[in-house]
Amino acid sequence: MELPDSVYIGLGGIIAGLLINPFLARRNTVSDYRYKWISSVRDIYLSFLSNADIYIESVLEKSTTMNNDIVKKETAENRRSVTDQVHEIKLYFNFNKDEYEHKEIIKDMCYIIKIISEQPNIDSYTEQRDKLTMKMQNTLKTEWDRVRDGELIWKTKQFIKKIR
């Protein structure tokens, strides 16, 4: 007795579902982790900006009435807050050859701390902060595109960009 074609089609669908389902589940899990990563990095960066603003305001305010050594002692807690956030972001970033933007962001964050602690100047600070914010926005946008497109499509797009 021969089975109807619909049985074979049904079995094929079941087998295809069993093969594809783990792939889709993994993709969703990776996307969830990457989305949480984006949110965490954004939150840390916003805290960094807020604390850096407080730090430079404090340094500029105290530097008008105190000498440099006293200002450093008085603002040590502010500096520690911003430095802690740099270290925290380092834990989230990759430093392999494909993620050079991450190295640049960390370097720029450290440079902002240097501007504030060594030569406090609100114009230099604001200019550097704005440049850093653009870099961070671009990095987070790239990661968001990766979540939206999925890893395979995103890597294909990156490959096409490289060969152009």
C-alpha atoms as a PDB file:
ATOM      1  CA  MET A   1       0.000   0.000   0.000  1.00  0.00           C
ATOM      2  CA  GLU A   2       1.395   3.335  -1.039  1.00  0.00           C
ATOM      3  CA  LEU A   3       1.132   6.391   1.235  1.00  0.00           C
ATOM      4  CA  PRO A   4      -0.408   9.580  -0.137  1.00  0.00           C
ATOM      5  CA  ASP A   5       1.866  12.512  -0.989  1.00  0.00           C
ATOM      6  CA  SER A   6       0.410  14.583   1.859  1.00  0.00           C
ATOM      7  CA  VAL A   7       1.987  12.197   4.404  1.00  0.00           C
ATOM      8  CA  TYR A   8       5.442  12.780   2.892  1.00  0.00           C
ATOM      9  CA  ILE A   9       4.854  16.504   2.821  1.00  0.00           C
ATOM     10  CA  GLY A  10       3.771  16.446   6.468  1.00  0.00           C
ATOM     11  CA  LEU A  11       6.816  14.397   7.502  1.00  0.00           C
ATOM     12  CA  GLY A  12       9.081  16.760   5.570  1.00  0.00           C
ATOM     13  CA  GLY A  13       7.561  19.721   7.391  1.00  0.00           C
ATOM     14  CA  ILE A  14       8.059  18.076  10.771  1.00  0.00           C
ATOM     15  CA  ILE A  15      11.684  17.230  10.005  1.00  0.00           C
ATOM     16  CA  ALA A  16      12.366  20.741   8.675  1.00  0.00           C
ATOM     17  CA  GLY A  17      10.774  22.215  11.796  1.00  0.00           C
ATOM     18  CA  LEU A  18      12.944  20.067  14.034  1.00  0.00           C
ATOM     19  CA  LEU A  19      16.056  21.224  12.192  1.00  0.00           C
ATOM     20  CA  ILE A  20      15.195  24.923  11.976  1.00  0.00           C
ATOM     21  CA  ASN A  21      13.694  25.424  15.448  1.00  0.00           C
ATOM     22  CA  PRO A  22      17.008  25.146  17.393  1.00  0.00           C
ATOM     23  CA  PHE A  23      18.616  27.621  14.996  1.00  0.00           C
ATOM     24  CA  LEU A  24      15.825  30.159  15.527  1.00  0.00           C
ATOM     25  CA  ALA A  25      15.835  29.646  19.298  1.00  0.00           C
ATOM     26  CA  ARG A  26      19.590  30.286  19.420  1.00  0.00           C
ATOM     27  CA  ARG A  27      19.219  33.376  17.255  1.00  0.00           C
ATOM     28  CA  ASN A  28      16.560  34.788  19.608  1.00  0.00           C
ATOM     29  CA  THR A  29      18.729  34.062  22.649  1.00  0.00           C
ATOM     30  CA  VAL A  30      21.745  35.793  21.089  1.00  0.00           C
ATOM     31  CA  SER A  31      19.562  38.772  20.152  1.00  0.00           C
ATOM     32  CA  ASP A  32      18.255  39.015  23.729  1.00  0.00           C
ATOM     33  CA  TYR A  33      21.803  39.012  25.128  1.00  0.00           C
ATOM     34  CA  ARG A  34      22.969  41.576  22.601  1.00  0.00           C
ATOM     35  CA  TYR A  35      19.963  43.814  23.374  1.00  0.00           C
ATOM     36  CA  LYS A  36      20.786  43.632  27.102  1.00  0.00           C
ATOM     37  CA  TRP A  37      24.413  44.424  26.256  1.00  0.00           C
ATOM     38  CA  ILE A  38      23.344  47.533  24.312  1.00  0.00           C
ATOM     39  CA  SER A  39      21.143  48.707  27.189  1.00  0.00           C
ATOM     40  CA  SER A  40      23.876  48.122  29.773  1.00  0.00           C
ATOM     41  CA  VAL A  41      26.549  49.952  27.777  1.00  0.00           C
ATOM     42  CA  ARG A  42      24.166  52.858  27.158  1.00  0.00           C
ATOM     43  CA  ASP A  43      23.333  53.118  30.873  1.00  0.00           C
ATOM     44  CA  ILE A  44      26.995  53.037  31.906  1.00  0.00           C
ATOM     45  CA  TYR A  45      27.880  55.641  29.300  1.00  0.00           C
ATOM     46  CA  LEU A  46      25.084  57.950  30.454  1.00  0.00           C
ATOM     47  CA  SER A  47      26.354  57.611  34.029  1.00  0.00           C
ATOM     48  CA  PHE A  48      29.859  58.385  32.801  1.00  0.00           C
ATOM     49  CA  LEU A  49      28.637  61.577  31.103  1.00  0.00           C
ATOM     50  CA  SER A  50      26.661  62.655  34.134  1.00  0.00           C
ATOM     51  CA  ASN A  51      29.559  62.042  36.508  1.00  0.00           C
ATOM     52  CA  ALA A  52      32.045  63.700  34.133  1.00  0.00           C
ATOM     53  CA  ASP A  53      29.820  66.798  34.054  1.00  0.00           C
ATOM     54  CA  ILE A  54      29.754  66.849  37.854  1.00  0.00           C
ATOM     55  CA  TYR A  55      33.515  66.292  37.966  1.00  0.00           C
ATOM     56  CA  ILE A  56      34.408  69.172  35.638  1.00  0.00           C
ATOM     57  CA  GLU A  57      31.970  71.527  37.339  1.00  0.00           C
ATOM     58  CA  SER A  58      33.508  70.675  40.690  1.00  0.00           C
ATOM     59  CA  VAL A  59      37.080  71.096  39.434  1.00  0.00           C
ATOM     60  CA  LEU A  60      36.324  74.411  37.741  1.00  0.00           C
ATOM     61  CA  GLU A  61      34.481  75.735  40.785  1.00  0.00           C
ATOM     62  CA  LYS A  62      37.193  74.753  43.264  1.00  0.00           C
ATOM     63  CA  SER A  63      40.129  75.768  41.040  1.00  0.00           C
ATOM     64  CA  THR A  64      39.143  79.433  41.327  1.00  0.00           C
ATOM     65  CA  THR A  65      39.701  79.457  45.090  1.00  0.00           C
ATOM     66  CA  MET A  66      42.149  76.595  45.809  1.00  0.00           C
ATOM     67  CA  ASN A  67      45.533  75.438  44.585  1.00  0.00           C
ATOM     68  CA  ASN A  68      45.804  72.429  42.266  1.00  0.00           C
ATOM     69  CA  ASP A  69      46.783  69.837  44.909  1.00  0.00           C
ATOM     70  CA  ILE A  70      43.836  70.693  47.125  1.00  0.00           C
ATOM     71  CA  VAL A  71      41.474  70.612  44.124  1.00  0.00           C
ATOM     72  CA  LYS A  72      42.700  67.088  43.286  1.00  0.00           C
ATOM     73  CA  LYS A  73      42.054  65.943  46.862  1.00  0.00           C
ATOM     74  CA  GLU A  74      38.656  67.616  46.988  1.00  0.00           C
ATOM     75  CA  THR A  75      37.527  66.092  43.679  1.00  0.00           C
ATOM     76  CA  ALA A  76      39.082  62.612  44.104  1.00  0.00           C
ATOM     77  CA  GLU A  77      35.668  61.014  44.647  1.00  0.00           C
ATOM     78  CA  ASN A  78      34.348  62.540  41.407  1.00  0.00           C
ATOM     79  CA  ARG A  79      37.369  61.242  39.501  1.00  0.00           C
ATOM     80  CA  ARG A  80      36.932  57.798  41.025  1.00  0.00           C
ATOM     81  CA  SER A  81      33.303  57.683  39.832  1.00  0.00           C
ATOM     82  CA  VAL A  82      34.208  58.429  36.225  1.00  0.00           C
ATOM     83  CA  THR A  83      37.185  56.081  36.284  1.00  0.00           C
ATOM     84  CA  ASP A  84      34.978  53.289  37.645  1.00  0.00           C
ATOM     85  CA  GLN A  85      32.661  53.686  34.668  1.00  0.00           C
ATOM     86  CA  VAL A  86      35.561  53.474  32.228  1.00  0.00           C
ATOM     87  CA  HIS A  87      36.571  50.181  33.850  1.00  0.00           C
ATOM     88  CA  GLU A  88      32.993  48.970  33.773  1.00  0.00           C
ATOM     89  CA  ILE A  89      32.645  49.680  30.045  1.00  0.00           C
ATOM     90  CA  LYS A  90      35.960  47.894  29.430  1.00  0.00           C
ATOM     91  CA  LEU A  91      34.318  44.755  30.770  1.00  0.00           C
ATOM     92  CA  TYR A  92      31.588  45.010  28.146  1.00  0.00           C
ATOM     93  CA  PHE A  93      33.805  45.806  25.170  1.00  0.00           C
ATOM     94  CA  ASN A  94      35.836  43.494  22.947  1.00  0.00           C
ATOM     95  CA  PHE A  95      39.324  44.520  22.018  1.00  0.00           C
ATOM     96  CA  ASN A  96      39.899  42.275  19.014  1.00  0.00           C
ATOM     97  CA  LYS A  97      40.946  43.630  15.622  1.00  0.00           C
ATOM     98  CA  ASP A  98      37.364  43.847  14.350  1.00  0.00           C
ATOM     99  CA  GLU A  99      36.197  46.053  17.212  1.00  0.00           C
ATOM    100  CA  TYR A 100      38.670  48.937  16.960  1.00  0.00           C
ATOM    101  CA  GLU A 101      35.864  51.405  17.786  1.00  0.00           C
ATOM    102  CA  HIS A 102      35.751  49.979  21.294  1.00  0.00           C
ATOM    103  CA  LYS A 103      39.430  50.814  21.842  1.00  0.00           C
ATOM    104  CA  GLU A 104      38.845  54.315  20.516  1.00  0.00           C
ATOM    105  CA  ILE A 105      35.908  54.889  22.852  1.00  0.00           C
ATOM    106  CA  ILE A 106      37.898  53.798  25.908  1.00  0.00           C
ATOM    107  CA  LYS A 107      40.838  55.961  24.825  1.00  0.00           C
ATOM    108  CA  ASP A 108      38.515  58.964  24.410  1.00  0.00           C
ATOM    109  CA  MET A 109      36.884  58.370  27.793  1.00  0.00           C
ATOM    110  CA  CYS A 110      40.326  58.374  29.413  1.00  0.00           C
ATOM    111  CA  TYR A 111      41.221  61.525  27.515  1.00  0.00           C
ATOM    112  CA  ILE A 112      38.153  63.264  28.918  1.00  0.00           C
ATOM    113  CA  ILE A 113      39.286  62.389  32.433  1.00  0.00           C
ATOM    114  CA  LYS A 114      42.744  63.749  31.581  1.00  0.00           C
ATOM    115  CA  ILE A 115      41.267  67.015  30.284  1.00  0.00           C
ATOM    116  CA  ILE A 116      39.292  67.473  33.489  1.00  0.00           C
ATOM    117  CA  SER A 117      42.070  66.554  35.911  1.00  0.00           C
ATOM    118  CA  GLU A 118      45.083  68.159  34.217  1.00  0.00           C
ATOM    119  CA  GLN A 119      43.866  71.145  32.226  1.00  0.00           C
ATOM    120  CA  PRO A 120      40.220  71.773  33.024  1.00  0.00           C
ATOM    121  CA  ASN A 121      38.675  73.650  30.146  1.00  0.00           C
ATOM    122  CA  ILE A 122      34.950  73.508  29.530  1.00  0.00           C
ATOM    123  CA  ASP A 123      35.291  74.070  25.775  1.00  0.00           C
ATOM    124  CA  SER A 124      37.807  71.241  25.292  1.00  0.00           C
ATOM    125  CA  TYR A 125      35.738  69.006  27.516  1.00  0.00           C
ATOM    126  CA  THR A 126      32.505  69.742  25.635  1.00  0.00           C
ATOM    127  CA  GLU A 127      34.127  69.225  22.250  1.00  0.00           C
ATOM    128  CA  GLN A 128      35.659  65.890  23.287  1.00  0.00           C
ATOM    129  CA  ARG A 129      32.434  64.770  24.992  1.00  0.00           C
ATOM    130  CA  ASP A 130      30.428  65.466  21.832  1.00  0.00           C
ATOM    131  CA  LYS A 131      32.906  63.544  19.645  1.00  0.00           C
ATOM    132  CA  LEU A 132      32.822  60.628  22.051  1.00  0.00           C
ATOM    133  CA  THR A 133      29.034  60.645  22.122  1.00  0.00           C
ATOM    134  CA  MET A 134      28.942  60.404  18.316  1.00  0.00           C
ATOM    135  CA  LYS A 135      31.306  57.421  18.411  1.00  0.00           C
ATOM    136  CA  MET A 136      29.216  55.741  21.079  1.00  0.00           C
ATOM    137  CA  GLN A 137      26.006  56.363  19.126  1.00  0.00           C
ATOM    138  CA  ASN A 138      27.561  54.836  16.007  1.00  0.00           C
ATOM    139  CA  THR A 139      28.774  51.802  17.947  1.00  0.00           C
ATOM    140  CA  LEU A 140      25.399  51.217  19.582  1.00  0.00           C
ATOM    141  CA  LYS A 141      23.630  51.741  16.236  1.00  0.00           C
ATOM    142  CA  THR A 142      25.869  49.120  14.639  1.00  0.00           C
ATOM    143  CA  GLU A 143      25.055  46.691  17.441  1.00  0.00           C
ATOM    144  CA  TRP A 144      21.359  47.467  17.103  1.00  0.00           C
ATOM    145  CA  ASP A 145      21.551  46.741  13.352  1.00  0.00           C
ATOM    146  CA  ARG A 146      23.199  43.450  14.244  1.00  0.00           C
ATOM    147  CA  VAL A 147      20.282  42.573  16.529  1.00  0.00           C
ATOM    148  CA  ARG A 148      17.690  43.680  13.989  1.00  0.00           C
ATOM    149  CA  ASP A 149      19.225  41.899  10.988  1.00  0.00           C
ATOM    150  CA  GLY A 150      20.524  38.812  12.696  1.00  0.00           C
ATOM    151  CA  GLU A 151      24.150  37.741  12.737  1.00  0.00           C
ATOM    152  CA  LEU A 152      24.244  36.088   9.317  1.00  0.00           C
ATOM    153  CA  ILE A 153      22.680  38.996   7.423  1.00  0.00           C
ATOM    154  CA  TRP A 154      24.742  41.536   9.389  1.00  0.00           C
ATOM    155  CA  LYS A 155      28.025  39.733   8.621  1.00  0.00           C
ATOM    156  CA  THR A 156      27.053  39.507   4.960  1.00  0.00           C
ATOM    157  CA  LYS A 157      26.392  43.262   4.868  1.00  0.00           C
ATOM    158  CA  GLN A 158      29.746  43.929   6.574  1.00  0.00           C
ATOM    159  CA  PHE A 159      31.524  41.728   4.034  1.00  0.00           C
ATOM    160  CA  ILE A 160      29.877  43.575   1.147  1.00  0.00           C
ATOM    161  CA  LYS A 161      30.928  46.932   2.646  1.00  0.00           C
ATOM    162  CA  LYS A 162      34.539  45.739   2.862  1.00  0.00           C
ATOM    163  CA  ILE A 163      34.743  44.640  -0.757  1.00  0.00           C
ATOM    164  CA  ARG A 164      33.268  47.853  -2.170  1.00  0.00           C
END
